Amino acid sequence: MNGVTVHQDGARNIGEVKAGVEGQINDRLNLWGNVGVQAGDKGYSDTSAMLGVKYTF
């Protein structure tokens, strides 16, 4: 990149907390989900969420 350095302030020291749930609705259907939060130096923060579905034919 032509000698250009790219960095993100606050991304060096990060703490993360993540929690989730899983459930079997019936013999063929499973659901899951989780939420995560990251916090770091210089006001850095990030929140993520994921949902999943598994259906067996």
Protein backbone atom coordinates (compact mmCIF):
# COMPACT_ATOMS: atom_id res chain seq x y z
CA MET A 1 0.00 0.00 0.00
CA ASN A 2 2.77 2.41 -0.95
CA GLY A 3 4.32 2.42 2.53
CA VAL A 4 1.12 3.54 4.26
CA THR A 5 0.55 2.04 7.71
CA VAL A 6 -3.06 1.38 8.70
CA HIS A 7 -4.06 0.83 12.33
CA GLN A 8 -7.12 1.14 14.53
CA ASP A 9 -6.85 3.08 17.78
CA GLY A 10 -7.86 1.09 20.83
CA ALA A 11 -7.68 -2.32 19.17
CA ARG A 12 -4.49 -3.42 20.94
CA ASN A 13 -5.90 -4.15 24.43
CA ILE A 14 -9.39 -5.61 24.10
CA GLY A 15 -11.68 -7.39 26.55
CA GLU A 16 -14.61 -9.48 25.33
CA VAL A 17 -17.76 -10.93 26.91
CA LYS A 18 -19.98 -13.35 25.00
CA ALA A 19 -23.20 -15.13 26.02
CA GLY A 20 -25.44 -17.48 24.09
CA VAL A 21 -28.27 -19.97 24.11
CA GLU A 22 -29.03 -23.19 22.25
CA GLY A 23 -32.29 -25.02 21.98
CA GLN A 24 -33.75 -28.10 20.36
CA ILE A 25 -37.31 -27.22 19.36
CA ASN A 26 -38.13 -30.76 18.13
CA ASP A 27 -36.29 -33.77 16.63
CA ARG A 28 -35.56 -31.84 13.42
CA LEU A 29 -35.22 -28.18 14.44
CA ASN A 30 -32.41 -26.58 16.45
CA LEU A 31 -31.93 -22.85 17.12
CA TRP A 32 -29.01 -20.96 18.64
CA GLY A 33 -27.88 -17.41 19.20
CA ASN A 34 -25.26 -15.34 20.95
CA VAL A 35 -24.37 -11.75 21.71
CA GLY A 36 -20.83 -10.45 22.21
CA VAL A 37 -19.41 -7.13 23.39
CA GLN A 38 -15.81 -5.95 23.05
CA ALA A 39 -14.25 -2.91 24.75
CA GLY A 40 -10.75 -1.50 24.40
CA ASP A 41 -8.52 1.53 24.76
CA LYS A 42 -9.39 4.98 23.43
CA GLY A 43 -13.15 4.40 23.34
CA TYR A 44 -13.03 1.32 21.11
CA SER A 45 -16.16 -0.85 21.36
CA ASP A 46 -17.90 -3.44 19.22
CA THR A 47 -21.13 -5.38 19.62
CA SER A 48 -22.04 -8.48 17.63
CA ALA A 49 -24.96 -10.89 17.46
CA MET A 50 -25.45 -14.19 15.66
CA LEU A 51 -28.53 -16.35 15.14
CA GLY A 52 -28.58 -19.84 13.68
CA VAL A 53 -31.12 -22.41 12.56
CA LYS A 54 -30.53 -26.07 11.73
CA TYR A 55 -33.31 -28.12 10.18
CA THR A 56 -32.74 -31.80 9.41
CA PHE A 57 -34.78 -33.26 6.54
